[in-house]
Structures are given as structure tokens and as C-alpha cells.
């Protein structure tokens, strides 16, 4: 099994929501994703999708998008993004998912050689940009949920390496120490983190590399040429 990641698919959710308003690179972007996906991913592989999957507002409108993803090769592991308004109760979502697709909500899944866990994450305060009080509360809650996800991975993994999915970046290039990195670095089994959320000019701030033995992968689809990126390999 090979392991891939791609985030921010931003499928239409049943609405006429053209993504090319964000730039010509988004023209028919899911067609490009599908073509690249079929080219690089095999049925025995796994693809991590860290949020912003569909613009749908209700689960029933997201189902056609989930079914389209389900037609692509490989097992798919999803977590929630900031645009997942259709993401209601986790039990309803899991019941609606196509075969071979798993949704994580601050819990974990078994990948064989690895265990993967996931949560949405949130913005974090910096010296230059403190958070508003409401965002501080959400940040603290998401930090607690990251700890819960890691606890679930530890229970499931029994010592195996852990890969973490978050939608929001747990750090930026200029912010090497955050509430999220401190939690991640406190677990010696965490080997990699995949995240999305950043687009356009913000991609210049994406941290993609190793910090304190953890390999961080920025995988918004427009930042990886709309092609699932192989992770946890010697050349990724």
C-alpha cells in the first residue's frame, strides 16, 4: 500500500459554483484531479483528504460528490474542513459514505503499517496576530480534540507510527511553535502531518518540511498541481 494526500477538493455540492472565479487554474479542477488520481493511485493505496471536500450545505447534497470520490481508486480517509457545512453527526455521515471511505472526527483509523487520526484544527494566535476571544475558544477546543485524536490513535495503534490529518495548518513558515505543534511533538509516535486550507498567495506561508522529527505536508489541491501527493516515502 502506498499513501497519498490531497485536500480542498471543493466540489460543487449540487450548486453551480464555478471555482475558476478563484483563478484559471481551477477551471474544471475536479476533472483534472480525477485524471491525475487514476494515473497515480492504485486500488490497494490509501488517499487522505483533509477537509473542504464539498460546498454542499446539507448531507444529501454532498452525497453525489462523495459518490464521485468513491469511484476513484483506493481507500479514502476524510476529515472535516471549515467549509463542511454538510458535516452533521458523524454516525449519519459514516452511514452515507460509499464503500471504502472512512470519516474521522477526532478519532483514528487503522492503515496497517500506520494509524491515521484527524481533526479540523483552527487558527492559532501569533505575536503579530492575536485571536479574537471567540477564536481563542475554538482554538482551545480544537487543541483538545487533537489530543483526543492522538489518544484514539495510541489506543488503536499499539505503538505503530501515527499520521495526523488536520484541515488548518498546525504551523506556518514564520510560526514554528504553536499550541498544535506542542501537542504533536509531545507524542513520540507522530511521524507526519498532512493539512490543507491555504490557497493562492497564502501557500507561500505553508510550512512543508521537517520540524522536531515530524514531517509536515501541505496538500491543498491547487498547491500540488491537482494531483494526489505521495507521502511517507523517501523522496516525498
Protein backbone atom coordinates (compact mmCIF):
# COMPACT_ATOMS: atom_id res chain seq x y z
CA UNK A 1 0.00 0.00 0.00
CA UNK A 2 1.15 3.50 -0.87
CA UNK A 3 -0.18 6.53 0.95
CA UNK A 4 -1.32 9.76 -0.75
CA UNK A 5 -2.93 13.00 0.37
CA UNK A 6 -4.90 15.76 -1.34
CA UNK A 7 -7.10 18.39 0.31
CA UNK A 8 -9.60 21.09 -0.58
CA UNK A 9 -11.39 19.32 -3.43
CA UNK A 10 -14.12 22.00 -3.22
CA UNK A 11 -16.71 20.04 -5.18
CA UNK A 12 -19.92 21.79 -6.14
CA UNK A 13 -22.37 20.27 -3.65
CA UNK A 14 -25.10 20.26 -6.26
CA UNK A 15 -24.85 24.02 -6.87
CA UNK A 16 -23.47 25.88 -9.85
CA UNK A 17 -20.37 27.09 -8.01
CA UNK A 18 -17.59 27.51 -10.57
CA UNK A 19 -14.19 27.51 -8.89
CA UNK A 20 -12.48 29.32 -11.76
CA UNK A 21 -13.58 32.61 -10.15
CA UNK A 22 -10.52 31.96 -7.94
CA UNK A 23 -8.24 31.73 -10.97
CA UNK A 24 -7.94 29.87 -14.27
CA UNK A 25 -6.09 27.02 -12.57
CA UNK A 26 -9.44 26.00 -11.05
CA UNK A 27 -11.18 25.52 -14.41
CA UNK A 28 -12.74 22.01 -14.39
CA UNK A 29 -10.44 21.25 -11.49
CA UNK A 30 -12.13 18.04 -10.31
CA UNK A 31 -11.77 16.57 -13.81
CA UNK A 32 -8.04 17.23 -13.54
CA UNK A 33 -7.95 15.75 -10.04
CA UNK A 34 -9.79 12.62 -11.24
CA UNK A 35 -7.46 12.13 -14.21
CA UNK A 36 -4.36 12.55 -12.07
CA UNK A 37 -5.81 10.38 -9.30
CA UNK A 38 -6.49 7.49 -11.69
CA UNK A 39 -3.00 7.85 -13.10
CA UNK A 40 -1.09 7.65 -9.78
CA UNK A 41 -3.34 5.86 -7.26
CA UNK A 42 -3.91 2.09 -7.32
CA UNK A 43 -6.87 0.23 -5.75
CA UNK A 44 -4.69 -1.02 -2.89
CA UNK A 45 -3.50 2.52 -1.97
CA UNK A 46 -4.98 4.97 0.56
CA UNK A 47 -5.71 8.66 0.00
CA UNK A 48 -6.07 11.13 2.89
CA UNK A 49 -8.43 14.07 2.24
CA UNK A 50 -8.02 16.74 4.94
CA UNK A 51 -11.23 18.71 4.55
CA UNK A 52 -13.10 21.21 2.36
CA UNK A 53 -14.47 18.37 0.27
CA UNK A 54 -17.81 19.81 -0.88
CA UNK A 55 -19.61 23.16 -0.90
CA UNK A 56 -22.88 21.41 -0.03
CA UNK A 57 -24.93 22.82 2.81
CA UNK A 58 -26.78 19.57 3.61
CA UNK A 59 -25.56 15.98 3.71
CA UNK A 60 -27.97 14.86 0.99
CA UNK A 61 -26.41 17.42 -1.38
CA UNK A 62 -22.89 16.25 -0.53
CA UNK A 63 -23.66 12.59 -1.25
CA UNK A 64 -23.25 12.88 -5.07
CA UNK A 65 -19.82 14.45 -4.50
CA UNK A 66 -18.85 11.71 -2.06
CA UNK A 67 -20.00 9.11 -4.58
CA UNK A 68 -17.81 10.67 -7.28
CA UNK A 69 -14.81 10.46 -4.95
CA UNK A 70 -15.83 6.91 -4.10
CA UNK A 71 -15.50 5.91 -7.77
CA UNK A 72 -11.81 6.77 -7.75
CA UNK A 73 -9.19 4.12 -6.89
CA UNK A 74 -8.05 3.41 -3.36
CA UNK A 75 -9.33 3.72 0.16
CA UNK A 76 -10.25 7.28 1.19
CA UNK A 77 -9.94 8.79 4.68
CA UNK A 78 -11.74 12.13 5.23
CA UNK A 79 -11.71 14.77 7.93
CA UNK A 80 -13.68 17.97 8.33
CA UNK A 81 -12.74 21.36 6.88
CA UNK A 82 -14.03 24.86 7.60
CA UNK A 83 -16.47 24.69 4.65
CA UNK A 84 -18.00 21.34 5.62
CA UNK A 85 -21.45 22.75 6.46
CA UNK A 86 -22.99 19.41 5.44
CA UNK A 87 -20.93 17.59 8.09
CA UNK A 88 -23.63 16.78 10.65
CA UNK A 89 -23.46 13.88 13.09
CA UNK A 90 -20.57 11.53 12.43
CA UNK A 91 -22.87 8.50 12.56
CA UNK A 92 -25.04 9.91 9.74
CA UNK A 93 -22.00 10.72 7.65
CA UNK A 94 -20.46 7.28 8.08
CA UNK A 95 -23.75 5.63 7.18
CA UNK A 96 -23.90 7.68 3.95
CA UNK A 97 -20.33 7.10 2.78
CA UNK A 98 -19.60 4.83 -0.17
CA UNK A 99 -17.74 1.61 0.44
CA UNK A 100 -14.03 2.10 1.03
CA UNK A 101 -14.41 5.59 2.52
CA UNK A 102 -13.88 6.49 6.21
CA UNK A 103 -14.64 9.75 8.03
CA UNK A 104 -12.61 10.80 11.07
CA UNK A 105 -13.84 13.16 13.76
CA UNK A 106 -11.09 13.49 16.36
CA UNK A 107 -10.61 9.72 16.27
CA UNK A 108 -8.44 7.24 14.36
CA UNK A 109 -8.36 4.57 11.65
CA UNK A 110 -6.09 1.57 11.08
CA UNK A 111 -3.91 1.68 7.95
CA UNK A 112 -1.90 -1.44 8.68
CA UNK A 113 1.66 -0.16 8.94
CA UNK A 114 0.37 3.19 10.24
CA UNK A 115 -2.52 4.62 12.20
CA UNK A 116 -4.13 7.84 10.99
CA UNK A 117 -6.07 10.27 13.17
CA UNK A 118 -7.73 13.54 12.34
CA UNK A 119 -9.50 16.71 13.41
CA UNK A 120 -10.28 20.06 11.78
CA UNK A 121 -7.86 22.31 13.67
CA UNK A 122 -8.20 26.10 13.78
CA UNK A 123 -6.32 29.37 13.56
CA UNK A 124 -3.71 29.91 16.26
CA UNK A 125 -2.51 33.14 17.89
CA UNK A 126 0.83 34.71 16.99
CA UNK A 127 2.67 37.73 18.37
CA UNK A 128 1.64 39.74 15.33
CA UNK A 129 -1.93 38.40 15.13
CA UNK A 130 -3.65 37.54 18.41
CA UNK A 131 -7.02 35.82 18.17
CA UNK A 132 -10.39 37.30 18.97
CA UNK A 133 -11.98 35.82 22.12
CA UNK A 134 -14.35 33.55 20.17
CA UNK A 135 -11.50 32.23 18.04
CA UNK A 136 -9.45 31.62 21.19
CA UNK A 137 -12.23 29.38 22.50
CA UNK A 138 -12.41 27.43 19.23
CA UNK A 139 -8.62 27.10 19.13
CA UNK A 140 -8.59 25.66 22.65
CA UNK A 141 -11.39 23.25 21.77
CA UNK A 142 -9.61 22.09 18.63
CA UNK A 143 -6.38 21.60 20.57
CA UNK A 144 -8.29 19.36 22.96
CA UNK A 145 -9.77 17.45 20.01
CA UNK A 146 -6.30 16.94 18.55
CA UNK A 147 -5.28 15.39 21.87
CA UNK A 148 -8.37 13.18 21.74
CA UNK A 149 -7.50 12.07 18.21
CA UNK A 150 -3.96 11.19 19.27
CA UNK A 151 -5.27 9.27 22.28
CA UNK A 152 -7.52 7.28 19.92
CA UNK A 153 -4.54 6.60 17.66
CA UNK A 154 -2.47 5.38 20.60
CA UNK A 155 -5.23 3.01 21.71
CA UNK A 156 -5.69 1.66 18.21
CA UNK A 157 -2.08 1.66 17.09
CA UNK A 158 -0.38 -0.15 19.97
CA UNK A 159 2.96 1.51 19.25
CA UNK A 160 2.67 1.89 15.47
CA UNK A 161 3.61 5.20 13.77
CA UNK A 162 0.87 7.84 13.64
CA UNK A 163 -0.09 10.13 10.75
CA UNK A 164 -2.21 13.16 11.63
CA UNK A 165 -4.74 14.88 9.37
CA UNK A 166 -5.85 18.45 10.07
CA UNK A 167 -7.57 20.88 7.76
CA UNK A 168 -5.99 24.03 9.16
CA UNK A 169 -2.19 24.25 9.17
CA UNK A 170 -0.83 23.48 12.65
CA UNK A 171 2.01 25.93 11.95
CA UNK A 172 3.13 28.43 9.32
CA UNK A 173 6.58 29.11 7.97
CA UNK A 174 7.05 32.03 10.38
CA UNK A 175 5.37 30.34 13.35
CA UNK A 176 7.38 27.28 14.22
CA UNK A 177 5.85 26.72 17.67
CA UNK A 178 2.09 26.69 18.26
CA UNK A 179 -0.38 25.07 20.62
CA UNK A 180 -0.87 22.38 17.95
CA UNK A 181 2.82 21.65 17.34
CA UNK A 182 3.39 21.31 21.08
CA UNK A 183 0.70 18.63 21.26
CA UNK A 184 2.03 16.86 18.16
CA UNK A 185 5.62 16.91 19.40
CA UNK A 186 4.50 15.57 22.75
CA UNK A 187 3.57 12.25 21.12
CA UNK A 188 6.68 10.32 20.04
CA UNK A 189 4.70 8.16 17.61
CA UNK A 190 3.63 11.07 15.37
CA UNK A 191 5.67 10.80 12.17
CA UNK A 192 3.76 13.01 9.73
CA UNK A 193 1.04 15.65 9.49
CA UNK A 194 -0.97 16.46 6.35
CA UNK A 195 -3.02 19.65 6.07
CA UNK A 196 -4.78 21.88 3.57
CA UNK A 197 -6.75 25.15 3.80
CA UNK A 198 -4.16 27.52 2.30
CA UNK A 199 -4.66 28.82 -1.24
CA UNK A 200 -3.17 31.29 -3.67
CA UNK A 201 -0.67 33.72 -2.14
CA UNK A 202 -1.16 32.12 1.29
CA UNK A 203 0.60 29.00 0.01
CA UNK A 204 3.86 30.94 0.29
CA UNK A 205 3.45 30.71 4.07
CA UNK A 206 2.81 26.96 4.08
CA UNK A 207 5.38 25.00 6.06
CA UNK A 208 6.33 21.88 4.14
CA UNK A 209 9.24 20.06 5.70
CA UNK A 210 10.51 18.51 8.89
CA UNK A 211 10.36 20.03 12.35
CA UNK A 212 11.28 18.22 15.55
CA UNK A 213 11.27 14.79 13.79
CA UNK A 214 7.74 15.32 12.32
CA UNK A 215 7.30 15.66 8.55
CA UNK A 216 4.66 18.23 7.57
CA UNK A 217 2.94 18.01 4.17
CA UNK A 218 0.92 20.93 2.75
CA UNK A 219 -1.57 19.33 0.34
CA UNK A 220 -4.23 21.85 -0.81
CA UNK A 221 -5.03 20.59 -4.29
CA UNK A 222 -4.03 23.84 -6.03
CA UNK A 223 -0.69 23.71 -4.25
CA UNK A 224 0.14 20.22 -5.54
CA UNK A 225 -0.99 20.70 -9.15
CA UNK A 226 -4.35 18.97 -8.53
CA UNK A 227 -2.64 15.59 -8.17
CA UNK A 228 -2.64 13.36 -5.05
CA UNK A 229 0.75 13.61 -3.41
CA UNK A 230 2.52 10.52 -2.20
CA UNK A 231 3.64 10.83 1.41
CA UNK A 232 5.79 8.84 3.83
CA UNK A 233 8.27 7.89 1.11
CA UNK A 234 11.95 8.56 0.88
CA UNK A 235 11.52 11.22 -1.84
CA UNK A 236 8.32 12.96 -0.74
